[in-house]
């Protein structure tokens, strides 16, 4: 099953299974970089720690992973056939 969101024209999400992004709360220093760079708004801050709030809209860009100074974000790309496709490349 695929989904689209009005905020992301030309992007189609393909349903996947499992959590492919997690935040290690022991490593998270609460900098909020993941929240600032995530275009899909997948993260929220709780008790000065970031956590994944919603993976449904994740675009698998990896920006959160790259922007996390303490390497608290564990990002394992979903297996083939999941994730998103875009009309523009």
N, C-alpha and C. Protein backbone atom coordinates (compact mmCIF):
# COMPACT_ATOMS: atom_id res chain seq x y z
N UNK A 1 0.85 -1.17 0.00
CA UNK A 1 0.00 0.00 0.00
C UNK A 1 0.89 1.24 0.00
N UNK A 2 0.56 2.23 -0.77
CA UNK A 2 1.33 3.46 -0.80
C UNK A 2 0.48 4.61 -0.31
N UNK A 3 1.17 5.68 0.17
CA UNK A 3 0.49 6.85 0.68
C UNK A 3 1.16 8.09 0.10
N UNK A 4 0.40 9.16 0.04
CA UNK A 4 0.96 10.45 -0.35
C UNK A 4 0.52 11.47 0.69
N UNK A 5 1.27 12.56 0.79
CA UNK A 5 0.93 13.66 1.69
C UNK A 5 0.94 14.94 0.88
N UNK A 6 -0.04 15.78 1.12
CA UNK A 6 -0.18 17.03 0.38
C UNK A 6 1.05 17.92 0.54
N UNK A 7 1.70 17.88 1.72
CA UNK A 7 2.86 18.72 1.96
C UNK A 7 4.07 18.32 1.13
N UNK A 8 4.08 17.09 0.60
CA UNK A 8 5.21 16.57 -0.16
C UNK A 8 4.75 16.15 -1.55
N UNK A 9 4.48 17.11 -2.44
CA UNK A 9 4.00 16.75 -3.78
C UNK A 9 5.04 15.94 -4.55
N UNK A 10 4.57 14.94 -5.25
CA UNK A 10 5.46 14.12 -6.06
C UNK A 10 6.15 13.00 -5.31
N UNK A 11 5.87 12.84 -4.01
CA UNK A 11 6.49 11.80 -3.21
C UNK A 11 5.44 10.76 -2.84
N UNK A 12 5.79 9.50 -3.02
CA UNK A 12 4.89 8.39 -2.69
C UNK A 12 5.60 7.48 -1.69
N UNK A 13 4.95 7.22 -0.55
CA UNK A 13 5.52 6.34 0.47
C UNK A 13 5.03 4.92 0.25
N UNK A 14 5.96 3.98 0.33
CA UNK A 14 5.63 2.56 0.19
C UNK A 14 5.69 1.95 1.59
N UNK A 15 4.63 1.29 1.99
CA UNK A 15 4.53 0.74 3.34
C UNK A 15 5.65 -0.26 3.62
N UNK A 16 6.25 -0.11 4.77
CA UNK A 16 7.29 -1.03 5.22
C UNK A 16 6.95 -1.56 6.60
N UNK A 17 7.82 -2.36 7.13
CA UNK A 17 7.59 -2.92 8.45
C UNK A 17 8.82 -2.71 9.32
N UNK A 18 8.61 -2.44 10.57
CA UNK A 18 9.70 -2.35 11.51
C UNK A 18 10.22 -0.94 11.70
N UNK A 19 10.87 -0.73 12.82
CA UNK A 19 11.47 0.56 13.14
C UNK A 19 12.89 0.58 12.59
N UNK A 20 13.13 1.38 11.59
CA UNK A 20 14.46 1.44 10.98
C UNK A 20 15.27 2.62 11.49
N UNK A 21 14.67 3.45 12.35
CA UNK A 21 15.38 4.53 13.02
C UNK A 21 15.05 4.46 14.51
N UNK A 22 16.08 4.48 15.33
CA UNK A 22 15.89 4.51 16.78
C UNK A 22 16.86 5.54 17.35
N UNK A 23 16.54 6.02 18.54
CA UNK A 23 17.41 6.96 19.25
C UNK A 23 17.86 6.30 20.54
N UNK A 24 19.16 6.22 20.74
CA UNK A 24 19.72 5.68 21.98
C UNK A 24 19.68 6.81 23.01
N UNK A 25 18.75 6.72 23.96
CA UNK A 25 18.56 7.79 24.94
C UNK A 25 19.79 8.01 25.81
N UNK A 26 20.61 7.00 25.98
CA UNK A 26 21.83 7.15 26.78
C UNK A 26 22.84 8.06 26.07
N UNK A 27 22.82 8.05 24.75
CA UNK A 27 23.75 8.88 23.97
C UNK A 27 23.19 10.25 23.61
N UNK A 28 21.87 10.37 23.52
CA UNK A 28 21.24 11.63 23.11
C UNK A 28 21.56 12.73 24.12
N UNK A 29 22.09 13.85 23.61
CA UNK A 29 22.42 14.98 24.49
C UNK A 29 21.37 16.09 24.42
N UNK A 30 20.28 15.85 23.68
CA UNK A 30 19.18 16.81 23.62
C UNK A 30 19.45 18.03 22.77
N UNK A 31 20.41 17.95 21.85
CA UNK A 31 20.75 19.12 21.02
C UNK A 31 19.61 19.54 20.10
N UNK A 32 18.76 18.61 19.70
CA UNK A 32 17.62 18.93 18.84
C UNK A 32 17.93 19.03 17.36
N UNK A 33 19.15 18.69 16.95
CA UNK A 33 19.49 18.76 15.53
C UNK A 33 18.55 17.90 14.69
N UNK A 34 18.21 16.71 15.17
CA UNK A 34 17.34 15.82 14.41
C UNK A 34 15.97 16.47 14.16
N UNK A 35 15.48 17.16 15.16
CA UNK A 35 14.18 17.83 15.03
C UNK A 35 14.26 18.96 14.01
N UNK A 36 15.36 19.70 14.04
CA UNK A 36 15.52 20.83 13.12
C UNK A 36 15.68 20.39 11.66
N UNK A 37 16.37 19.29 11.41
CA UNK A 37 16.64 18.90 10.02
C UNK A 37 15.60 17.98 9.41
N UNK A 38 14.73 17.40 10.22
CA UNK A 38 13.76 16.43 9.70
C UNK A 38 12.59 17.15 9.02
N UNK A 39 12.55 17.09 7.70
CA UNK A 39 11.47 17.73 6.94
C UNK A 39 10.12 17.07 7.19
N UNK A 40 10.13 15.79 7.55
CA UNK A 40 8.89 15.05 7.75
C UNK A 40 8.38 15.14 9.19
N UNK A 41 9.13 15.79 10.05
CA UNK A 41 8.74 15.98 11.45
C UNK A 41 8.52 14.64 12.16
N UNK A 42 9.49 13.76 12.04
CA UNK A 42 9.40 12.43 12.65
C UNK A 42 9.80 12.40 14.12
N UNK A 43 10.44 13.48 14.61
CA UNK A 43 10.99 13.49 15.97
C UNK A 43 10.25 14.44 16.89
N UNK A 44 10.29 14.11 18.19
CA UNK A 44 9.79 14.99 19.24
C UNK A 44 10.78 14.95 20.39
N UNK A 45 10.75 15.97 21.21
CA UNK A 45 11.61 16.05 22.38
C UNK A 45 10.76 15.71 23.61
N UNK A 46 11.24 14.80 24.42
CA UNK A 46 10.58 14.43 25.67
C UNK A 46 11.63 14.37 26.76
N UNK A 47 11.45 15.17 27.79
CA UNK A 47 12.41 15.16 28.90
C UNK A 47 13.84 15.44 28.46
N UNK A 48 14.03 16.40 27.56
CA UNK A 48 15.34 16.80 27.05
C UNK A 48 16.05 15.70 26.25
N UNK A 49 15.28 14.76 25.73
CA UNK A 49 15.82 13.71 24.88
C UNK A 49 14.94 13.60 23.64
N UNK A 50 15.56 13.42 22.49
CA UNK A 50 14.81 13.24 21.25
C UNK A 50 14.32 11.80 21.16
N UNK A 51 13.17 11.62 20.57
CA UNK A 51 12.70 10.27 20.27
C UNK A 51 11.91 10.30 18.96
N UNK A 52 11.85 9.14 18.32
CA UNK A 52 11.11 9.02 17.07
C UNK A 52 9.62 8.99 17.42
N UNK A 53 8.89 9.91 16.85
CA UNK A 53 7.46 10.03 17.13
C UNK A 53 6.62 9.38 16.04
N UNK A 54 7.10 9.45 14.79
CA UNK A 54 6.29 8.97 13.67
C UNK A 54 7.19 8.63 12.50
N UNK A 55 7.31 7.35 12.18
CA UNK A 55 8.13 6.94 11.04
C UNK A 55 7.34 6.85 9.74
N UNK A 56 6.02 6.98 9.82
CA UNK A 56 5.19 6.87 8.62
C UNK A 56 5.60 7.84 7.52
N UNK A 57 6.01 9.03 7.91
CA UNK A 57 6.32 10.08 6.93
C UNK A 57 7.81 10.18 6.63
N UNK A 58 8.64 9.34 7.23
CA UNK A 58 10.08 9.42 7.04
C UNK A 58 10.45 9.27 5.56
N UNK A 59 11.33 10.16 5.09
CA UNK A 59 11.77 10.12 3.71
C UNK A 59 13.11 9.41 3.54
N UNK A 60 13.63 8.85 4.64
CA UNK A 60 14.87 8.07 4.60
C UNK A 60 16.04 8.87 4.04
N UNK A 61 16.05 10.17 4.26
CA UNK A 61 17.13 11.00 3.73
C UNK A 61 18.41 10.86 4.55
N UNK A 62 18.28 10.47 5.81
CA UNK A 62 19.44 10.30 6.68
C UNK A 62 19.94 11.59 7.30
N UNK A 63 19.25 12.72 7.09
CA UNK A 63 19.71 14.00 7.63
C UNK A 63 19.81 13.94 9.15
N UNK A 64 18.88 13.29 9.80
CA UNK A 64 18.91 13.18 11.26
C UNK A 64 20.16 12.44 11.72
N UNK A 65 20.47 11.39 11.04
CA UNK A 65 21.61 10.53 11.36
C UNK A 65 22.92 11.32 11.20
N UNK A 66 23.04 12.04 10.08
CA UNK A 66 24.25 12.81 9.82
C UNK A 66 24.42 13.99 10.77
N UNK A 67 23.32 14.55 11.25
CA UNK A 67 23.39 15.76 12.07
C UNK A 67 23.46 15.50 13.57
N UNK A 68 23.54 14.26 13.97
CA UNK A 68 23.54 13.90 15.39
C UNK A 68 24.99 13.81 15.91
N UNK A 69 25.45 14.85 16.65
CA UNK A 69 26.84 14.85 17.11
C UNK A 69 27.24 13.64 17.97
N UNK A 70 26.38 13.18 18.90
CA UNK A 70 26.81 12.05 19.73
C UNK A 70 26.51 10.67 19.10
N UNK A 71 26.09 10.64 17.84
CA UNK A 71 25.75 9.38 17.17
C UNK A 71 24.69 8.57 17.93
N UNK A 72 23.69 9.27 18.44
CA UNK A 72 22.62 8.61 19.19
C UNK A 72 21.58 7.98 18.27
N UNK A 73 21.55 8.39 17.01
CA UNK A 73 20.54 7.88 16.08
C UNK A 73 21.08 6.66 15.36
N UNK A 74 20.34 5.58 15.46
CA UNK A 74 20.67 4.35 14.76
C UNK A 74 19.75 4.28 13.55
N UNK A 75 20.33 4.27 12.37
CA UNK A 75 19.56 4.32 11.12
C UNK A 75 19.93 3.11 10.29
N UNK A 76 18.98 2.21 10.11
CA UNK A 76 19.21 1.04 9.25
C UNK A 76 18.18 1.09 8.13
N UNK A 77 18.66 1.33 6.94
CA UNK A 77 17.74 1.50 5.82
C UNK A 77 16.83 0.30 5.70
N UNK A 78 15.58 0.53 5.40
CA UNK A 78 14.62 -0.58 5.25
C UNK A 78 15.01 -1.47 4.07
N UNK A 79 14.61 -2.73 4.10
CA UNK A 79 14.89 -3.61 2.98
C UNK A 79 14.17 -3.13 1.71
N UNK A 80 14.62 -3.57 0.56
CA UNK A 80 14.04 -3.16 -0.71
C UNK A 80 12.52 -3.28 -0.72
N UNK A 81 11.90 -2.34 -1.45
CA UNK A 81 10.45 -2.36 -1.57
C UNK A 81 9.75 -1.51 -0.53
N UNK A 82 10.49 -0.87 0.37
CA UNK A 82 9.87 0.02 1.35
C UNK A 82 10.43 1.40 1.17
N UNK A 83 9.92 2.35 1.90
CA UNK A 83 10.43 3.70 1.83
C UNK A 83 9.63 4.56 0.88
N UNK A 84 10.31 5.47 0.21
CA UNK A 84 9.56 6.39 -0.66
C UNK A 84 10.14 6.43 -2.06
N UNK A 85 9.32 6.85 -2.99
CA UNK A 85 9.73 7.10 -4.37
C UNK A 85 9.33 8.52 -4.71
N UNK A 86 10.13 9.18 -5.50
CA UNK A 86 9.78 10.53 -5.91
C UNK A 86 9.69 10.61 -7.43
N UNK A 87 8.86 11.47 -7.93
CA UNK A 87 8.68 11.63 -9.36
C UNK A 87 9.87 12.35 -10.00
N UNK A 88 10.69 13.00 -9.18
CA UNK A 88 11.76 13.85 -9.70
C UNK A 88 13.16 13.28 -9.47
N UNK A 89 13.30 12.00 -9.41
CA UNK A 89 14.63 11.42 -9.27
C UNK A 89 14.86 10.75 -8.05
